N, C-alpha and C. Protein backbone atom coordinates (compact mmCIF):
# COMPACT_ATOMS: atom_id res chain seq x y z
N MET A 1 -145.69 -4.12 105.95
CA MET A 1 -144.83 -4.49 105.99
C MET A 1 -144.38 -3.62 104.41
N ASP A 2 -143.78 -3.70 103.88
CA ASP A 2 -143.34 -2.17 103.42
C ASP A 2 -143.02 -3.39 101.81
N ARG A 3 -142.92 -2.79 100.68
CA ARG A 3 -142.63 -3.50 98.71
C ARG A 3 -141.85 -4.11 98.91
N LYS A 4 -139.97 -3.90 99.56
CA LYS A 4 -139.09 -4.87 100.07
C LYS A 4 -139.25 -5.78 100.70
N GLU A 5 -140.29 -5.88 102.16
CA GLU A 5 -139.66 -6.96 102.76
C GLU A 5 -141.03 -7.75 101.85
N PHE A 6 -142.25 -7.50 101.29
CA PHE A 6 -143.05 -8.08 101.05
C PHE A 6 -142.35 -9.04 99.19
N ILE A 7 -141.47 -8.16 98.79
CA ILE A 7 -141.18 -8.99 97.70
C ILE A 7 -139.80 -10.52 98.22
N ILE A 8 -139.36 -10.41 99.80
CA ILE A 8 -138.64 -11.55 99.68
C ILE A 8 -139.36 -12.54 99.89
N LYS A 9 -140.14 -12.19 100.78
CA LYS A 9 -141.14 -12.66 101.76
C LYS A 9 -141.70 -14.37 100.14
N ALA A 10 -142.17 -13.12 99.92
CA ALA A 10 -142.94 -13.65 98.03
C ALA A 10 -141.75 -14.36 97.73
N GLY A 11 -140.47 -14.50 97.66
CA GLY A 11 -139.81 -14.88 96.79
C GLY A 11 -139.39 -15.94 96.90
N MET A 12 -139.53 -15.74 98.63
CA MET A 12 -138.85 -17.11 99.77
C MET A 12 -140.50 -18.36 99.67
N PHE A 13 -141.18 -17.84 99.81
CA PHE A 13 -142.75 -18.41 99.76
C PHE A 13 -142.47 -19.61 98.46
N VAL A 14 -142.63 -18.81 97.48
CA VAL A 14 -142.38 -19.34 95.73
C VAL A 14 -141.33 -20.03 95.74
N SER A 15 -139.88 -19.93 96.55
CA SER A 15 -139.35 -20.80 96.69
C SER A 15 -138.73 -21.78 97.02
N VAL A 16 -139.78 -21.96 98.23
CA VAL A 16 -140.04 -23.20 98.63
C VAL A 16 -140.87 -24.09 98.15
N CYS A 17 -141.97 -23.44 97.58
CA CYS A 17 -143.29 -23.82 97.20
C CYS A 17 -142.43 -24.56 95.83
N ALA A 18 -141.86 -24.40 95.05
CA ALA A 18 -141.07 -25.33 94.12
C ALA A 18 -140.37 -25.96 93.82
N CYS A 19 -139.39 -25.61 95.92
CA CYS A 19 -138.45 -27.39 95.61
C CYS A 19 -139.85 -28.26 96.55
N ALA A 20 -140.51 -28.16 96.74
CA ALA A 20 -141.26 -28.96 97.43
C ALA A 20 -141.82 -30.12 96.22
N GLY A 21 -142.20 -29.11 94.79
CA GLY A 21 -143.30 -29.43 93.78
C GLY A 21 -141.69 -30.62 94.13
N ALA A 22 -140.34 -30.13 93.26
CA ALA A 22 -139.71 -30.48 92.35
C ALA A 22 -139.36 -31.63 93.03
N CYS A 23 -139.16 -32.02 94.54
CA CYS A 23 -139.09 -33.31 95.39
C CYS A 23 -139.54 -34.40 95.43
N GLN A 24 -140.97 -33.94 94.96
CA GLN A 24 -142.21 -34.75 95.63
C GLN A 24 -142.65 -35.48 94.24
N SER A 25 -142.69 -34.95 92.95
CA SER A 25 -142.31 -35.27 91.18
C SER A 25 -140.93 -36.13 91.23
N SER A 26 -139.39 -36.07 91.62
CA SER A 26 -138.57 -36.23 91.49
C SER A 26 -138.61 -37.58 92.55
N GLN A 27 -140.19 -37.98 93.45
CA GLN A 27 -139.55 -39.17 94.07
C GLN A 27 -140.65 -40.08 93.46
N GLU A 28 -142.10 -39.04 92.73
CA GLU A 28 -142.76 -40.27 92.36
C GLU A 28 -142.20 -40.96 91.20
N GLU A 29 -141.37 -40.07 90.63
CA GLU A 29 -140.76 -40.28 89.20
C GLU A 29 -139.69 -41.32 89.32
N GLN A 30 -138.96 -41.42 90.47
CA GLN A 30 -137.90 -43.10 90.29
C GLN A 30 -138.80 -43.93 90.26
N ILE A 31 -137.58 -44.29 90.02
CA ILE A 31 -138.12 -45.94 88.79
C ILE A 31 -136.94 -46.95 89.67
N GLU A 32 -137.39 -48.11 90.04
CA GLU A 32 -137.14 -48.88 90.84
C GLU A 32 -135.81 -49.69 89.75
N PRO A 33 -134.72 -49.38 90.04
CA PRO A 33 -133.84 -50.71 89.18
C PRO A 33 -134.63 -51.80 88.52
N LYS A 34 -133.88 -52.59 87.59
CA LYS A 34 -134.04 -53.77 87.53
C LYS A 34 -132.83 -54.52 87.72
N LYS A 35 -133.49 -55.45 88.54
CA LYS A 35 -133.00 -56.64 88.94
C LYS A 35 -132.01 -58.07 88.34
N GLU A 36 -130.80 -57.52 87.55
CA GLU A 36 -130.65 -58.81 87.24
C GLU A 36 -130.07 -59.95 88.19
N GLU A 37 -130.24 -61.58 87.39
CA GLU A 37 -129.97 -61.83 88.53
C GLU A 37 -128.59 -62.75 88.31
N ILE A 38 -127.74 -62.51 89.19
CA ILE A 38 -126.21 -62.81 89.11
C ILE A 38 -125.76 -64.89 88.51
N ASP A 39 -125.08 -65.11 87.64
CA ASP A 39 -125.18 -66.30 87.14
C ASP A 39 -124.08 -65.95 86.32
N PHE A 40 -122.92 -66.32 86.58
CA PHE A 40 -121.90 -66.27 85.06
C PHE A 40 -120.46 -66.70 85.77
N THR A 41 -119.48 -67.10 84.48
CA THR A 41 -118.75 -68.23 85.23
C THR A 41 -117.38 -67.75 84.20
N ILE A 42 -115.97 -67.66 85.36
CA ILE A 42 -115.16 -67.62 85.00
C ILE A 42 -114.01 -68.67 84.36
N ASP A 43 -112.85 -68.01 83.44
CA ASP A 43 -112.01 -68.64 83.47
C ASP A 43 -110.93 -68.60 83.94
N LEU A 44 -110.17 -69.86 85.21
CA LEU A 44 -109.37 -68.97 86.08
C LEU A 44 -107.85 -69.09 85.80
N SER A 45 -107.81 -69.40 84.29
CA SER A 45 -106.50 -69.35 83.39
C SER A 45 -106.22 -68.11 82.53
N ASN A 46 -107.62 -67.52 82.70
CA ASN A 46 -107.21 -66.38 81.58
C ASN A 46 -106.41 -65.34 82.92
N THR A 47 -105.29 -64.55 81.77
CA THR A 47 -104.54 -63.20 82.55
C THR A 47 -105.50 -62.50 83.32
N LYS A 48 -106.70 -62.39 82.55
CA LYS A 48 -107.64 -60.62 83.47
C LYS A 48 -107.86 -61.21 84.65
N PHE A 49 -107.97 -63.07 84.72
CA PHE A 49 -108.53 -63.34 86.25
C PHE A 49 -107.14 -64.02 87.31
N ALA A 50 -105.79 -63.35 86.80
CA ALA A 50 -104.86 -63.80 87.24
C ALA A 50 -104.62 -63.63 89.03
N ASP A 51 -104.88 -62.09 89.44
CA ASP A 51 -105.24 -61.96 90.70
C ASP A 51 -105.90 -63.46 91.88
N LEU A 52 -106.42 -64.12 90.84
CA LEU A 52 -107.24 -65.51 91.75
C LEU A 52 -106.42 -66.48 91.84
N GLN A 53 -105.44 -66.57 91.20
CA GLN A 53 -104.55 -67.54 90.87
C GLN A 53 -103.34 -67.92 92.12
N LYS A 54 -103.60 -66.94 93.63
CA LYS A 54 -102.82 -66.58 94.54
C LYS A 54 -103.99 -66.17 95.86
N VAL A 55 -103.67 -67.20 97.04
CA VAL A 55 -104.43 -66.83 98.28
C VAL A 55 -104.86 -65.61 98.99
N GLY A 56 -105.72 -65.24 99.13
CA GLY A 56 -106.22 -64.00 99.43
C GLY A 56 -106.23 -62.69 98.28
N GLY A 57 -105.31 -63.20 96.91
CA GLY A 57 -106.09 -62.27 95.91
C GLY A 57 -106.76 -62.03 95.76
N PHE A 58 -107.85 -60.95 94.81
CA PHE A 58 -109.15 -60.76 94.82
C PHE A 58 -109.23 -60.18 93.22
N ILE A 59 -110.19 -59.92 92.93
CA ILE A 59 -110.87 -58.98 91.42
C ILE A 59 -111.98 -58.10 92.07
N TYR A 60 -112.45 -57.67 91.00
CA TYR A 60 -114.13 -57.05 90.24
C TYR A 60 -114.29 -57.59 89.06
N GLU A 61 -115.64 -58.19 89.33
CA GLU A 61 -115.84 -58.92 88.06
C GLU A 61 -117.58 -58.73 87.99
N LYS A 62 -118.22 -57.93 86.81
CA LYS A 62 -119.18 -57.25 87.30
C LYS A 62 -120.31 -57.47 88.37
N LEU A 63 -119.14 -56.01 88.99
CA LEU A 63 -119.91 -55.49 90.33
C LEU A 63 -120.06 -56.23 91.74
N ILE A 64 -119.26 -57.05 90.98
CA ILE A 64 -119.02 -58.52 92.09
C ILE A 64 -117.18 -58.11 92.55
N ILE A 65 -117.23 -58.54 94.25
CA ILE A 65 -115.27 -58.94 94.22
C ILE A 65 -115.11 -60.69 94.74
N ILE A 66 -114.42 -60.67 94.53
CA ILE A 66 -114.19 -61.96 94.27
C ILE A 66 -112.69 -62.39 95.26
N ALA A 67 -113.03 -63.63 95.57
CA ALA A 67 -111.93 -63.44 97.12
C ALA A 67 -112.02 -64.89 96.67
N ARG A 68 -109.94 -65.27 96.83
CA ARG A 68 -109.84 -66.46 97.15
C ARG A 68 -108.89 -67.01 98.57
N LYS A 69 -110.27 -67.54 98.84
CA LYS A 69 -110.24 -67.96 100.55
C LYS A 69 -108.70 -68.58 101.10
N SER A 70 -109.03 -69.81 100.78
CA SER A 70 -107.37 -70.99 100.29
C SER A 70 -107.58 -71.56 99.09
N GLU A 71 -106.98 -72.58 99.30
CA GLU A 71 -107.23 -73.50 96.80
C GLU A 71 -108.04 -73.60 96.84
N SER A 72 -108.84 -74.52 97.72
CA SER A 72 -110.23 -74.55 97.32
C SER A 72 -111.49 -73.82 97.33
N GLU A 73 -111.39 -72.80 98.20
CA GLU A 73 -112.60 -71.62 98.51
C GLU A 73 -112.40 -70.37 97.92
N PHE A 74 -113.96 -70.03 97.22
CA PHE A 74 -114.17 -68.87 97.29
C PHE A 74 -114.37 -67.59 97.84
N LEU A 75 -114.39 -66.68 97.99
CA LEU A 75 -116.22 -66.04 98.45
C LEU A 75 -116.43 -64.70 97.26
N ALA A 76 -117.28 -64.03 97.22
CA ALA A 76 -118.02 -63.53 96.52
C ALA A 76 -119.53 -62.97 97.31
N PHE A 77 -118.91 -61.04 96.68
CA PHE A 77 -119.73 -60.06 97.51
C PHE A 77 -120.47 -59.06 96.20
N THR A 78 -120.70 -58.38 96.60
CA THR A 78 -121.31 -57.70 96.25
C THR A 78 -119.89 -55.93 96.71
N GLN A 79 -119.98 -55.62 95.53
CA GLN A 79 -118.15 -54.98 95.61
C GLN A 79 -118.47 -53.38 96.69
N TYR A 80 -119.96 -53.13 96.71
CA TYR A 80 -120.23 -51.91 97.52
C TYR A 80 -120.36 -51.99 98.85
N CYS A 81 -120.22 -51.36 99.35
CA CYS A 81 -120.18 -51.22 101.21
C CYS A 81 -121.49 -50.96 100.83
N THR A 82 -122.21 -51.51 102.21
CA THR A 82 -123.55 -51.21 102.37
C THR A 82 -123.88 -49.82 103.24
N HIS A 83 -122.73 -49.31 103.26
CA HIS A 83 -123.58 -47.92 104.21
C HIS A 83 -122.96 -46.50 103.42
N SER A 84 -121.90 -46.98 102.15
CA SER A 84 -122.25 -46.17 101.43
C SER A 84 -120.81 -45.47 99.92
N ALA A 85 -121.74 -46.90 99.73
CA ALA A 85 -121.38 -47.42 98.41
C ALA A 85 -119.72 -47.38 97.47
N GLY A 86 -118.50 -47.25 99.16
CA GLY A 86 -117.65 -46.96 98.63
C GLY A 86 -116.92 -48.59 98.23
N VAL A 87 -115.86 -49.36 97.42
CA VAL A 87 -115.84 -50.44 96.97
C VAL A 87 -115.21 -50.97 97.78
N ILE A 88 -115.65 -52.13 97.88
CA ILE A 88 -114.12 -53.29 99.35
C ILE A 88 -113.52 -53.37 98.95
N LYS A 89 -112.60 -54.02 99.51
CA LYS A 89 -111.19 -54.60 99.36
C LYS A 89 -111.51 -56.08 100.26
N PHE A 90 -110.87 -57.09 99.95
CA PHE A 90 -110.12 -57.77 100.82
C PHE A 90 -108.58 -57.37 101.29
N ILE A 91 -108.74 -58.01 102.37
CA ILE A 91 -107.84 -57.80 103.74
C ILE A 91 -107.38 -59.44 103.41
N PRO A 92 -106.56 -60.31 103.29
CA PRO A 92 -106.50 -61.92 103.56
C PRO A 92 -105.40 -61.59 105.08
N GLN A 93 -104.73 -61.25 105.07
CA GLN A 93 -104.16 -60.93 106.54
C GLN A 93 -105.47 -61.47 108.00
N LYS A 94 -106.42 -60.48 107.59
CA LYS A 94 -107.33 -59.85 108.88
C LYS A 94 -107.90 -61.15 108.43
N ASN A 95 -108.46 -61.86 107.17
CA ASN A 95 -108.95 -62.30 106.96
C ASN A 95 -110.67 -61.93 106.72
N HIS A 96 -110.62 -60.05 106.76
CA HIS A 96 -112.51 -60.05 106.15
C HIS A 96 -112.49 -58.94 105.24
N PHE A 97 -113.00 -58.14 105.03
CA PHE A 97 -113.55 -57.03 103.92
C PHE A 97 -113.14 -55.97 104.19
N GLU A 98 -113.35 -54.16 104.31
CA GLU A 98 -112.98 -53.69 104.05
C GLU A 98 -113.59 -52.29 103.34
N CYS A 99 -113.73 -51.46 103.61
CA CYS A 99 -114.54 -50.07 102.88
C CYS A 99 -113.28 -49.51 103.71
N PRO A 100 -112.59 -48.30 102.04
CA PRO A 100 -111.84 -47.14 102.57
C PRO A 100 -111.87 -46.44 102.90
N VAL A 101 -113.35 -45.94 102.52
CA VAL A 101 -114.29 -45.08 102.33
C VAL A 101 -114.51 -44.50 104.30
N HIS A 102 -115.22 -45.53 104.96
CA HIS A 102 -115.63 -44.69 106.42
C HIS A 102 -115.12 -46.14 107.28
N TYR A 103 -113.95 -46.97 106.36
CA TYR A 103 -113.59 -48.47 107.23
C TYR A 103 -115.56 -49.20 107.67
N SER A 104 -116.02 -49.31 107.54
CA SER A 104 -116.36 -50.13 107.40
C SER A 104 -116.30 -52.22 106.82
N LYS A 105 -116.59 -52.54 107.91
CA LYS A 105 -115.40 -54.04 107.89
C LYS A 105 -116.77 -54.73 108.10
N PHE A 106 -116.45 -55.77 107.03
CA PHE A 106 -117.23 -57.50 107.23
C PHE A 106 -116.78 -59.07 107.33
N ASP A 107 -116.05 -59.29 107.84
CA ASP A 107 -116.45 -60.75 108.26
C ASP A 107 -116.69 -61.59 106.79
N ILE A 108 -115.57 -62.90 106.56
CA ILE A 108 -115.49 -63.69 105.39
C ILE A 108 -117.09 -64.12 105.42
N GLU A 109 -117.74 -63.59 106.39
CA GLU A 109 -119.58 -64.19 105.87
C GLU A 109 -120.11 -62.93 105.55
N GLY A 110 -119.81 -61.87 105.39
CA GLY A 110 -120.59 -60.73 104.97
C GLY A 110 -120.62 -59.65 106.04
N LYS A 111 -121.14 -60.26 107.14
CA LYS A 111 -121.36 -60.02 108.06
C LYS A 111 -120.66 -58.70 108.59
N VAL A 112 -121.43 -57.76 109.18
CA VAL A 112 -120.64 -56.46 109.86
C VAL A 112 -119.69 -56.36 111.29
N ILE A 113 -118.66 -56.22 110.87
CA ILE A 113 -118.23 -56.74 111.88
C ILE A 113 -117.22 -54.98 112.33
N GLN A 114 -117.36 -54.08 111.94
CA GLN A 114 -116.78 -52.84 111.87
C GLN A 114 -118.14 -51.82 111.81
N ASP A 115 -118.74 -50.99 112.73
CA ASP A 115 -119.70 -49.49 111.69
C ASP A 115 -118.60 -48.32 110.99
N PRO A 116 -119.00 -47.73 110.26
CA PRO A 116 -120.80 -47.47 110.63
C PRO A 116 -121.79 -48.01 110.02
N ALA A 117 -121.14 -49.16 108.97
CA ALA A 117 -122.47 -50.36 107.98
C ALA A 117 -123.15 -50.91 109.27
N GLN A 118 -124.34 -51.12 108.54
CA GLN A 118 -125.50 -51.79 109.41
C GLN A 118 -126.27 -52.96 108.85
N LYS A 119 -126.00 -53.01 107.47
CA LYS A 119 -126.14 -53.83 106.77
C LYS A 119 -124.93 -54.94 106.20
N PRO A 120 -125.24 -56.44 105.99
CA PRO A 120 -124.24 -57.42 105.64
C PRO A 120 -124.04 -56.72 104.17
N LEU A 121 -122.81 -57.43 104.08
CA LEU A 121 -123.22 -57.26 102.34
C LEU A 121 -123.69 -58.65 102.10
N LYS A 122 -124.27 -58.67 100.55
CA LYS A 122 -125.23 -59.02 99.39
C LYS A 122 -123.97 -60.63 99.35
N LYS A 123 -123.78 -62.00 99.70
CA LYS A 123 -123.72 -62.78 99.13
C LYS A 123 -123.89 -63.72 98.02
N TYR A 124 -122.69 -63.73 97.08
CA TYR A 124 -123.72 -65.46 95.61
C TYR A 124 -122.58 -66.75 96.55
N GLN A 125 -122.69 -67.17 95.75
CA GLN A 125 -122.17 -68.09 95.81
C GLN A 125 -121.53 -68.84 94.77
N THR A 126 -120.18 -70.20 95.50
CA THR A 126 -119.41 -69.81 94.21
C THR A 126 -119.58 -71.70 93.98
N GLU A 127 -118.90 -71.92 92.39
CA GLU A 127 -118.96 -73.51 92.49
C GLU A 127 -117.40 -73.24 91.42
N LEU A 128 -116.27 -74.12 91.90
CA LEU A 128 -115.19 -74.11 90.54
C LEU A 128 -114.92 -75.70 90.69
N GLU A 129 -114.94 -75.50 89.30
CA GLU A 129 -115.05 -77.10 88.50
C GLU A 129 -113.77 -76.81 87.10
N GLY A 130 -112.48 -77.54 87.73
CA GLY A 130 -111.18 -76.44 87.43
C GLY A 130 -111.01 -76.22 87.72
N ASN A 131 -110.59 -75.60 86.40
CA ASN A 131 -110.55 -74.17 86.24
C ASN A 131 -111.94 -72.47 85.67
N LEU A 132 -112.96 -73.06 86.30
CA LEU A 132 -113.91 -72.53 86.11
C LEU A 132 -114.00 -72.50 87.35
N LEU A 133 -114.12 -71.21 87.58
CA LEU A 133 -114.95 -71.04 88.92
C LEU A 133 -116.01 -69.90 88.84
N ARG A 134 -118.02 -70.63 88.90
CA ARG A 134 -119.25 -70.18 88.39
C ARG A 134 -119.56 -68.55 89.68
N ILE A 135 -119.82 -67.80 90.22
CA ILE A 135 -120.62 -66.80 90.88
C ILE A 135 -121.79 -67.07 90.34
N PHE A 136 -123.14 -67.49 91.70
CA PHE A 136 -124.05 -67.23 91.05
C PHE A 136 -125.19 -66.99 92.73
N GLU A 137 -126.34 -66.59 91.82
CA GLU A 137 -127.16 -66.57 93.73
C GLU A 137 -127.80 -67.97 94.02
């Protein structure tokens, strides 16, 4: 082995070791995100939530998608697709949620009805009292 070949191989070896060490240390340093419990109330008479005045309307609030299914029923899910974290949309004509990134679809219970997503959306409870809509776990 000549000097040039030795330097190239030694450089590749050092690079592989450095990368392996960096990957290992970054995994050890990862911190589990703090899970905050979801429990908040919105006032449907507030113009900020005007889209929820009509059946089929939806909004995003505190990383949750909230959709009006009927005059008295609201749906609330995490707003991110379980496949690639695209922001989902409510499609009232088809009564499902859809991710515009890879077109995963979820029914109104959050269950996957079209791949590539494999996991359901996290669903939250809703409670309507007058103009106040509570979203909670």
